[in-house]
Amino acid sequence: MAWVNYHRLAMRLPYKKIIQLIEDTFGEQVGASTIHHMFMTLSDFYIDTEQMLLKRILNSPFVHMDETTINIRGSSQYVWVITDGTHVVFKLTENREPTIVHEWLKGYSGVLCSDFFGGYDSAPCLQQKCWAHLIRDLNENLRKSPFDTEYENFVCAVGELITPILQAVEKYGLKSRHLRKFRLNVDSFYEKAISNSVYKSETTQTFQKRFIKYREKLFVFLDIDGIPWNNNAAERAIRHLAVQRKISGSFGKESTPHYLRLLSVTQTCRFHNKSLLQFLLSGKKDIDMFRGRKGLIGWRIH
């Protein structure tokens, strides 16, 4: 059962390929229903693990969240991921309503790191918006508007603000005693480029509004130790699903929640750099306590 699910999860093999591999390797013939039963049985075994992972994530001083669409037999649904950079949990919802965000974060006292999807804005906790997304959006619009001098100057002003901050992060880490001093730069930037400026360019106006709206959510990492300035952990966690989506095309309605539970186990093992196959074979449920072999080359291959 562990071997079958390892090839389904880590190697992304479809049932037909696993059936062929079993016959070629072991000389045994099994049907798709047997493989499916193994998959569902193992998922049920890790229900407690899923709850354990979520509890540990919500005990972290910060969490990352992201979401993506998948095809459930012709219908678009959403998969949400929550992670602290070490543990990962996925959840399927029929729509993009942020109900799951409020469900997960009810009573949470840490910081939510996310992109600029409006569904996260009402989360009942401190928030740090992803600068990687913001920088990417600024650069993409700069390429689309090569003759917009006003917008170019605006992007340069943002660069002059954020570049020294990220250089300090690279040198000192996410330590507020080294980052808090940049609050004066932030205030100066808002005074010169945001609050007291009138722009003609529609693109510049759009980003001016974004900076106004998210002022209190862009610079939390300057004041609190250890808060990431990006949402890269969530994107890393969800990348495996994005690849599987390209391979599979669509997912089954019944099996997808089970797949996501096992994917939570898979990605948590990946983030711990522990062997998924060894963990599945161990029969244990606590990935943190599992002393598997580390330094695996395979987990570094995306």
Protein backbone atom coordinates (compact mmCIF):
# COMPACT_ATOMS: atom_id res chain seq x y z
CA MET A 1 0.00 0.00 0.00
CA ALA A 2 2.84 2.40 0.85
CA TRP A 3 4.67 1.52 -2.38
CA VAL A 4 1.57 2.08 -4.51
CA ASN A 5 0.74 5.43 -2.90
CA TYR A 6 4.36 6.57 -3.09
CA HIS A 7 4.28 6.14 -6.87
CA ARG A 8 0.91 7.88 -7.08
CA LEU A 9 1.95 10.85 -4.93
CA ALA A 10 5.69 11.42 -5.31
CA MET A 11 6.13 10.01 -8.82
CA ARG A 12 2.72 11.29 -10.04
CA LEU A 13 1.94 8.02 -11.85
CA PRO A 14 -1.67 7.36 -12.92
CA TYR A 15 -3.38 4.13 -11.86
CA LYS A 16 -2.79 2.46 -15.23
CA LYS A 17 0.97 3.03 -15.03
CA ILE A 18 1.10 1.75 -11.44
CA ILE A 19 -0.79 -1.40 -12.48
CA GLN A 20 1.70 -1.93 -15.31
CA LEU A 21 4.64 -1.30 -12.98
CA ILE A 22 3.36 -3.87 -10.47
CA GLU A 23 3.02 -6.48 -13.19
CA ASP A 24 6.45 -5.69 -14.69
CA THR A 25 8.22 -5.56 -11.32
CA PHE A 26 6.46 -8.22 -9.25
CA GLY A 27 4.62 -10.32 -11.83
CA GLU A 28 1.33 -9.61 -10.08
CA GLN A 29 -1.90 -8.49 -11.71
CA VAL A 30 -4.15 -6.03 -9.87
CA GLY A 31 -7.15 -4.00 -10.97
CA ALA A 32 -7.80 -0.27 -10.77
CA SER A 33 -10.34 -0.84 -8.01
CA THR A 34 -7.62 -2.42 -5.84
CA ILE A 35 -5.33 0.56 -6.36
CA HIS A 36 -8.20 2.92 -5.60
CA HIS A 37 -9.03 1.01 -2.40
CA MET A 38 -5.39 1.24 -1.26
CA PHE A 39 -5.44 4.98 -1.91
CA MET A 40 -8.63 5.60 0.06
CA THR A 41 -7.58 3.32 2.92
CA LEU A 42 -4.26 5.09 3.39
CA SER A 43 -5.99 8.48 3.29
CA ASP A 44 -8.32 7.43 6.11
CA PHE A 45 -5.30 6.28 8.13
CA TYR A 46 -3.86 9.82 8.04
CA ILE A 47 -6.96 11.74 9.19
CA ASP A 48 -5.30 12.29 12.57
CA THR A 49 -2.08 13.38 10.86
CA GLU A 50 -3.94 16.04 8.91
CA GLN A 51 -5.43 17.48 12.12
CA MET A 52 -2.01 17.33 13.78
CA LEU A 53 -0.44 19.27 10.91
CA LEU A 54 -3.12 21.97 11.01
CA LYS A 55 -2.74 22.38 14.77
CA ARG A 56 1.01 22.85 14.44
CA ILE A 57 0.60 25.34 11.60
CA LEU A 58 -1.78 27.44 13.71
CA ASN A 59 0.72 27.43 16.59
CA SER A 60 3.25 29.17 14.34
CA PRO A 61 3.80 32.95 14.64
CA PHE A 62 3.01 33.23 10.92
CA VAL A 63 1.18 31.22 8.28
CA HIS A 64 1.17 31.34 4.50
CA MET A 65 -1.98 30.81 2.40
CA ASP A 66 -2.66 30.48 -1.30
CA GLU A 67 -5.31 29.00 -3.57
CA THR A 68 -5.62 27.60 -7.09
CA THR A 69 -8.31 26.13 -9.33
CA ILE A 70 -8.67 22.47 -10.30
CA ASN A 71 -11.08 20.71 -12.62
CA ILE A 72 -13.49 18.33 -10.89
CA ARG A 73 -15.10 16.46 -13.76
CA GLY A 74 -15.67 19.62 -15.79
CA SER A 75 -16.43 21.90 -12.87
CA SER A 76 -13.90 24.42 -11.55
CA GLN A 77 -13.29 24.20 -7.81
CA TYR A 78 -10.61 25.63 -5.53
CA VAL A 79 -7.79 24.10 -3.54
CA TRP A 80 -6.47 26.15 -0.61
CA VAL A 81 -3.14 25.60 1.09
CA ILE A 82 -2.01 26.72 4.52
CA THR A 83 1.57 26.24 5.68
CA ASP A 84 4.08 27.53 8.19
CA GLY A 85 6.95 26.61 5.87
CA THR A 86 7.35 23.23 7.59
CA HIS A 87 3.87 21.69 7.74
CA VAL A 88 1.29 21.75 4.94
CA VAL A 89 -2.49 21.22 4.75
CA PHE A 90 -4.74 21.40 1.68
CA LYS A 91 -8.51 21.90 1.51
CA LEU A 92 -11.00 21.72 -1.37
CA THR A 93 -13.92 24.14 -1.70
CA GLU A 94 -16.55 24.51 -4.42
CA ASN A 95 -15.98 28.26 -4.81
CA ARG A 96 -13.50 31.01 -4.00
CA GLU A 97 -15.45 32.40 -1.07
CA PRO A 98 -12.95 32.89 1.78
CA THR A 99 -15.00 30.89 4.29
CA ILE A 100 -12.13 28.45 4.75
CA VAL A 101 -9.77 31.36 5.53
CA HIS A 102 -11.96 32.46 8.43
CA GLU A 103 -12.51 28.85 9.53
CA TRP A 104 -8.78 28.13 9.70
CA LEU A 105 -7.78 31.47 11.23
CA LYS A 106 -10.54 31.85 13.82
CA GLY A 107 -8.74 32.81 17.03
CA TYR A 108 -5.34 32.88 15.34
CA SER A 109 -3.01 35.46 16.89
CA GLY A 110 -0.11 35.36 14.42
CA VAL A 111 0.49 36.95 11.01
CA LEU A 112 -1.07 35.80 7.74
CA CYS A 113 1.26 36.05 4.71
CA SER A 114 -0.68 36.09 1.44
CA ASP A 115 -0.99 37.59 -2.01
CA PHE A 116 -3.40 40.40 -2.89
CA PHE A 117 -6.54 38.29 -3.46
CA GLY A 118 -9.30 40.27 -1.73
CA GLY A 119 -10.62 37.20 0.07
CA TYR A 120 -7.71 37.36 2.52
CA ASP A 121 -8.24 41.02 3.43
CA SER A 122 -10.95 40.30 5.99
CA ALA A 123 -8.96 37.63 7.83
CA PRO A 124 -9.18 38.38 11.58
CA CYS A 125 -5.44 38.70 12.23
CA LEU A 126 -2.37 40.75 11.34
CA GLN A 127 -1.38 40.40 7.68
CA GLN A 128 1.77 40.70 5.61
CA LYS A 129 1.18 41.05 1.88
CA CYS A 130 3.63 39.43 -0.48
CA TRP A 131 6.26 41.81 -1.85
CA ALA A 132 7.32 39.23 -4.43
CA HIS A 133 3.84 39.45 -5.98
CA LEU A 134 3.87 43.24 -5.81
CA ILE A 135 7.30 43.54 -7.44
CA ARG A 136 6.27 41.07 -10.15
CA ASP A 137 3.09 43.07 -10.87
CA LEU A 138 5.04 46.32 -11.01
CA ASN A 139 7.57 44.86 -13.44
CA GLU A 140 4.94 43.24 -15.67
CA ASN A 141 3.11 46.53 -16.06
CA LEU A 142 6.42 48.31 -16.69
CA ARG A 143 7.04 45.99 -19.65
CA LYS A 144 3.52 46.66 -20.93
CA SER A 145 3.99 50.45 -20.67
CA PRO A 146 7.51 51.16 -22.00
CA PHE A 147 6.73 54.81 -22.80
CA ASP A 148 4.92 55.70 -19.59
CA THR A 149 7.57 57.95 -17.96
CA GLU A 150 5.39 58.76 -14.98
CA TYR A 151 4.89 55.10 -14.15
CA GLU A 152 8.59 54.38 -14.71
CA ASN A 153 9.50 57.05 -12.17
CA PHE A 154 6.96 55.59 -9.73
CA VAL A 155 8.50 52.11 -10.05
CA CYS A 156 11.96 53.62 -9.47
CA ALA A 157 10.68 55.25 -6.27
CA VAL A 158 9.34 51.88 -5.07
CA GLY A 159 12.68 50.30 -5.92
CA GLU A 160 14.57 52.93 -3.94
CA LEU A 161 12.37 52.10 -0.96
CA ILE A 162 12.36 48.31 -1.02
CA THR A 163 15.85 47.48 -2.30
CA PRO A 164 17.77 48.62 0.82
CA ILE A 165 15.20 46.83 2.99
CA LEU A 166 15.66 43.51 1.19
CA GLN A 167 19.43 43.97 1.26
CA ALA A 168 19.22 44.35 5.03
CA VAL A 169 17.10 41.19 5.22
CA GLU A 170 19.73 39.31 3.24
CA LYS A 171 22.49 40.59 5.51
CA TYR A 172 20.86 40.45 8.95
CA GLY A 173 17.83 38.19 8.49
CA LEU A 174 14.29 39.06 9.53
CA LYS A 175 15.32 40.92 12.69
CA SER A 176 13.20 43.91 13.61
CA ARG A 177 16.10 45.66 15.34
CA HIS A 178 17.75 45.99 11.91
CA LEU A 179 14.55 46.58 9.91
CA ARG A 180 12.54 48.93 12.11
CA LYS A 181 14.76 51.87 11.12
CA PHE A 182 13.31 51.70 7.59
CA ARG A 183 9.96 52.96 8.92
CA LEU A 184 11.24 56.49 8.32
CA ASN A 185 11.92 55.58 4.68
CA VAL A 186 8.40 54.18 4.38
CA ASP A 187 6.88 57.38 5.79
CA SER A 188 8.98 59.50 3.41
CA PHE A 189 7.97 57.34 0.42
CA TYR A 190 4.28 57.68 1.24
CA GLU A 191 4.57 61.42 1.72
CA LYS A 192 6.41 62.00 -1.56
CA ALA A 193 5.08 59.29 -3.89
CA ILE A 194 1.66 58.30 -2.54
CA SER A 195 -0.25 60.68 -0.27
CA ASN A 196 0.68 64.02 -1.84
CA SER A 197 1.01 63.01 -5.49
CA VAL A 198 -1.53 63.33 -8.31
CA TYR A 199 -0.87 61.02 -11.24
CA LYS A 200 -2.24 61.08 -14.78
CA SER A 201 -1.21 57.55 -15.76
CA GLU A 202 -3.96 55.01 -15.13
CA THR A 203 -1.40 52.33 -14.30
CA THR A 204 0.30 54.57 -11.73
CA GLN A 205 -3.07 55.45 -10.20
CA THR A 206 -3.89 51.75 -9.83
CA PHE A 207 -0.71 51.04 -7.88
CA GLN A 208 -1.05 54.24 -5.87
CA LYS A 209 -4.44 52.96 -4.69
CA ARG A 210 -2.92 49.59 -3.84
CA PHE A 211 -0.22 51.19 -1.72
CA ILE A 212 -2.84 53.28 0.07
CA LYS A 213 -5.11 50.30 0.71
CA TYR A 214 -2.39 47.99 1.98
CA ARG A 215 -0.10 50.39 3.83
CA GLU A 216 -0.66 48.61 7.16
CA LYS A 217 -0.20 45.18 5.54
CA LEU A 218 2.96 45.74 3.50
CA PHE A 219 5.46 46.45 6.26
CA VAL A 220 4.56 44.23 9.22
CA PHE A 221 7.83 42.35 8.70
CA LEU A 222 9.73 45.50 9.69
CA ASP A 223 8.29 45.44 13.21
CA ILE A 224 8.00 41.75 14.14
CA ASP A 225 10.91 39.30 14.17
CA GLY A 226 10.82 36.42 11.72
CA ILE A 227 7.87 37.47 9.55
CA PRO A 228 8.55 36.67 5.86
CA TRP A 229 8.17 39.46 3.31
CA ASN A 230 6.90 37.04 0.65
CA ASN A 231 4.47 34.16 0.24
CA ASN A 232 6.96 31.79 -1.37
CA ALA A 233 6.31 28.93 1.09
CA ALA A 234 2.67 28.65 0.01
CA GLU A 235 3.67 28.73 -3.67
CA ARG A 236 6.25 25.99 -3.05
CA ALA A 237 3.63 23.89 -1.28
CA ILE A 238 1.05 24.21 -4.04
CA ARG A 239 3.47 23.73 -6.94
CA HIS A 240 3.21 19.92 -6.80
CA LEU A 241 -0.55 20.19 -7.29
CA ALA A 242 -0.09 22.60 -10.21
CA VAL A 243 2.15 20.05 -11.95
CA GLN A 244 -0.31 17.23 -11.21
CA ARG A 245 -3.11 19.37 -12.63
CA LYS A 246 -1.26 19.62 -15.95
CA ILE A 247 -0.69 15.86 -15.99
CA SER A 248 -4.17 14.73 -14.94
CA GLY A 249 -6.34 17.43 -16.49
CA SER A 250 -9.24 16.69 -14.15
CA PHE A 251 -9.78 15.05 -10.77
CA GLY A 252 -12.50 12.80 -9.35
CA LYS A 253 -15.10 14.26 -6.99
CA GLU A 254 -14.85 11.46 -4.44
CA SER A 255 -11.11 10.93 -4.51
CA THR A 256 -9.86 14.55 -4.52
CA PRO A 257 -10.28 15.25 -0.76
CA HIS A 258 -8.38 12.01 -0.08
CA TYR A 259 -5.70 12.97 -2.57
CA LEU A 260 -5.30 16.36 -0.88
CA ARG A 261 -4.94 14.77 2.55
CA LEU A 262 -2.18 12.51 1.26
CA LEU A 263 -0.64 15.47 -0.58
CA SER A 264 -0.50 17.27 2.78
CA VAL A 265 1.57 14.36 4.10
CA THR A 266 3.69 14.33 0.95
CA GLN A 267 4.54 18.03 1.01
CA THR A 268 5.18 18.03 4.75
CA CYS A 269 7.70 15.22 4.24
CA ARG A 270 9.20 17.27 1.42
CA PHE A 271 9.49 20.38 3.61
CA HIS A 272 11.12 18.23 6.33
CA ASN A 273 13.37 16.66 3.68
CA LYS A 274 12.29 13.20 4.87
CA SER A 275 11.57 10.18 2.69
CA LEU A 276 7.86 9.88 1.93
CA LEU A 277 8.20 6.17 1.19
CA GLN A 278 9.99 5.51 4.48
CA PHE A 279 7.34 7.45 6.38
CA LEU A 280 4.50 5.55 4.72
CA LEU A 281 6.24 2.24 5.43
CA SER A 282 6.82 3.18 9.07
CA GLY A 283 3.12 3.15 9.93
CA LYS A 284 3.65 6.28 12.05
CA LYS A 285 1.41 9.32 11.97
CA ASP A 286 3.64 12.08 13.37
CA ILE A 287 6.01 13.35 10.68
CA ASP A 288 7.88 15.58 13.13
CA MET A 289 8.74 12.62 15.36
CA PHE A 290 9.61 10.30 12.47
CA ARG A 291 13.37 9.88 12.25
CA GLY A 292 13.74 9.18 8.56
CA ARG A 293 16.78 9.48 6.37
CA LYS A 294 17.48 13.09 5.37
CA GLY A 295 19.53 14.78 2.65
CA LEU A 296 17.41 13.32 -0.13
CA ILE A 297 18.30 14.35 -3.66
CA GLY A 298 14.82 13.52 -4.95
CA TRP A 299 13.06 16.21 -2.91
CA ARG A 300 15.28 18.84 -4.53
CA ILE A 301 13.97 17.92 -7.96
CA HIS A 302 10.79 19.87 -8.83
